[in-house]
Amino acid sequence: MITPIDLWLETAHEAHALRAQVAYLEEAWLRAEADADYWYFRACNAVASDAK
């Protein structure tokens, strides 16, 4: 028999797992943004140096 406490514990566990996944995805997003910025500015600098 499933009790309300069992349901609450399962829900709390699921919520914790989802928060961990969201944190991981946020970190991955920030890394991807940093990589995109790096390559964008590198490409801009290459174009600027070619224009001289």
N, C-alpha and C. Protein backbone atom coordinates (compact mmCIF):
# COMPACT_ATOMS: atom_id res chain seq x y z
N MET A 1 0.84 -1.18 0.00
CA MET A 1 0.00 0.00 0.00
C MET A 1 0.88 1.25 0.00
N ILE A 2 0.56 2.16 -0.87
CA ILE A 2 1.31 3.41 -0.96
C ILE A 2 0.69 4.44 -0.04
N THR A 3 1.53 5.03 0.79
CA THR A 3 1.04 6.04 1.73
C THR A 3 1.34 7.43 1.18
N PRO A 4 0.69 8.45 1.71
CA PRO A 4 1.01 9.81 1.29
C PRO A 4 2.48 10.17 1.51
N ILE A 5 3.08 9.62 2.54
CA ILE A 5 4.51 9.89 2.79
C ILE A 5 5.35 9.29 1.66
N ASP A 6 5.01 8.10 1.21
CA ASP A 6 5.73 7.48 0.08
C ASP A 6 5.63 8.37 -1.16
N LEU A 7 4.44 8.87 -1.42
CA LEU A 7 4.25 9.74 -2.58
C LEU A 7 5.06 11.03 -2.43
N TRP A 8 5.06 11.58 -1.21
CA TRP A 8 5.81 12.81 -0.97
C TRP A 8 7.30 12.58 -1.17
N LEU A 9 7.82 11.46 -0.64
CA LEU A 9 9.25 11.16 -0.79
C LEU A 9 9.62 10.95 -2.25
N GLU A 10 8.77 10.26 -2.98
CA GLU A 10 9.04 10.04 -4.40
C GLU A 10 9.03 11.37 -5.15
N THR A 11 8.09 12.24 -4.83
CA THR A 11 8.00 13.55 -5.47
C THR A 11 9.22 14.40 -5.14
N ALA A 12 9.65 14.36 -3.88
CA ALA A 12 10.83 15.11 -3.48
C ALA A 12 12.07 14.61 -4.22
N HIS A 13 12.18 13.29 -4.37
CA HIS A 13 13.32 12.72 -5.09
C HIS A 13 13.29 13.17 -6.56
N GLU A 14 12.12 13.12 -7.18
CA GLU A 14 11.99 13.55 -8.58
C GLU A 14 12.34 15.03 -8.72
N ALA A 15 11.88 15.84 -7.79
CA ALA A 15 12.18 17.27 -7.84
C ALA A 15 13.68 17.53 -7.72
N HIS A 16 14.33 16.80 -6.84
CA HIS A 16 15.77 16.95 -6.68
C HIS A 16 16.50 16.57 -7.97
N ALA A 17 16.09 15.47 -8.57
CA ALA A 17 16.71 15.02 -9.82
C ALA A 17 16.49 16.05 -10.93
N LEU A 18 15.30 16.62 -11.00
CA LEU A 18 15.03 17.64 -12.02
C LEU A 18 15.85 18.90 -11.80
N ARG A 19 16.01 19.30 -10.53
CA ARG A 19 16.85 20.48 -10.24
C ARG A 19 18.29 20.23 -10.66
N ALA A 20 18.79 19.01 -10.43
CA ALA A 20 20.15 18.68 -10.85
C ALA A 20 20.28 18.72 -12.37
N GLN A 21 19.27 18.23 -13.08
CA GLN A 21 19.31 18.27 -14.55
C GLN A 21 19.27 19.70 -15.06
N VAL A 22 18.45 20.54 -14.44
CA VAL A 22 18.35 21.94 -14.85
C VAL A 22 19.69 22.64 -14.61
N ALA A 23 20.32 22.39 -13.48
CA ALA A 23 21.61 23.00 -13.19
C ALA A 23 22.65 22.57 -14.23
N TYR A 24 22.65 21.29 -14.59
CA TYR A 24 23.59 20.80 -15.60
C TYR A 24 23.34 21.48 -16.94
N LEU A 25 22.07 21.60 -17.32
CA LEU A 25 21.74 22.24 -18.59
C LEU A 25 22.10 23.72 -18.59
N GLU A 26 21.91 24.39 -17.46
CA GLU A 26 22.31 25.80 -17.37
C GLU A 26 23.81 25.95 -17.55
N GLU A 27 24.59 25.08 -16.91
CA GLU A 27 26.05 25.13 -17.07
C GLU A 27 26.45 24.84 -18.52
N ALA A 28 25.81 23.87 -19.13
CA ALA A 28 26.11 23.56 -20.54
C ALA A 28 25.77 24.74 -21.44
N TRP A 29 24.66 25.41 -21.16
CA TRP A 29 24.27 26.58 -21.94
C TRP A 29 25.32 27.68 -21.81
N LEU A 30 25.76 27.94 -20.60
CA LEU A 30 26.78 28.98 -20.38
C LEU A 30 28.08 28.64 -21.08
N ARG A 31 28.47 27.36 -21.05
CA ARG A 31 29.69 26.95 -21.76
C ARG A 31 29.52 27.14 -23.26
N ALA A 32 28.35 26.79 -23.79
CA ALA A 32 28.10 26.95 -25.23
C ALA A 32 28.13 28.43 -25.61
N GLU A 33 27.55 29.29 -24.77
CA GLU A 33 27.60 30.73 -25.06
C GLU A 33 29.04 31.24 -25.06
N ALA A 34 29.83 30.79 -24.09
CA ALA A 34 31.23 31.22 -24.02
C ALA A 34 31.99 30.74 -25.25
N ASP A 35 31.75 29.50 -25.67
CA ASP A 35 32.40 28.98 -26.88
C ASP A 35 31.99 29.78 -28.11
N ALA A 36 30.71 30.10 -28.21
CA ALA A 36 30.23 30.87 -29.36
C ALA A 36 30.87 32.26 -29.37
N ASP A 37 30.96 32.89 -28.21
CA ASP A 37 31.60 34.21 -28.12
C ASP A 37 33.06 34.12 -28.55
N TYR A 38 33.76 33.10 -28.08
CA TYR A 38 35.17 32.93 -28.42
C TYR A 38 35.36 32.83 -29.94
N TRP A 39 34.58 31.95 -30.56
CA TRP A 39 34.75 31.75 -32.00
C TRP A 39 34.28 32.95 -32.80
N TYR A 40 33.24 33.64 -32.32
CA TYR A 40 32.77 34.85 -33.00
C TYR A 40 33.85 35.93 -33.00
N PHE A 41 34.42 36.19 -31.81
CA PHE A 41 35.44 37.23 -31.73
C PHE A 41 36.71 36.82 -32.45
N ARG A 42 37.02 35.55 -32.44
CA ARG A 42 38.19 35.08 -33.18
C ARG A 42 37.99 35.31 -34.69
N ALA A 43 36.77 35.01 -35.17
CA ALA A 43 36.47 35.23 -36.59
C ALA A 43 36.48 36.74 -36.92
N CYS A 44 35.94 37.55 -36.02
CA CYS A 44 35.95 39.00 -36.25
C CYS A 44 37.37 39.54 -36.29
N ASN A 45 38.23 39.06 -35.41
CA ASN A 45 39.61 39.50 -35.40
C ASN A 45 40.35 39.06 -36.66
N ALA A 46 40.03 37.88 -37.15
CA ALA A 46 40.66 37.40 -38.39
C ALA A 46 40.24 38.27 -39.56
N VAL A 47 38.97 38.63 -39.61
CA VAL A 47 38.49 39.49 -40.70
C VAL A 47 39.10 40.88 -40.58
N ALA A 48 39.20 41.39 -39.36
CA ALA A 48 39.77 42.72 -39.14
C ALA A 48 41.24 42.75 -39.52
N SER A 49 41.98 41.69 -39.20
CA SER A 49 43.40 41.66 -39.54
C SER A 49 43.60 41.49 -41.05
N ASP A 50 42.66 40.81 -41.72
CA ASP A 50 42.74 40.66 -43.18
C ASP A 50 42.43 41.97 -43.89
N ALA A 51 41.64 42.84 -43.26
CA ALA A 51 41.23 44.09 -43.87
C ALA A 51 42.33 45.14 -43.81
N LYS A 52 43.35 44.91 -43.00
CA LYS A 52 44.43 45.91 -42.85
C LYS A 52 45.36 45.91 -44.04
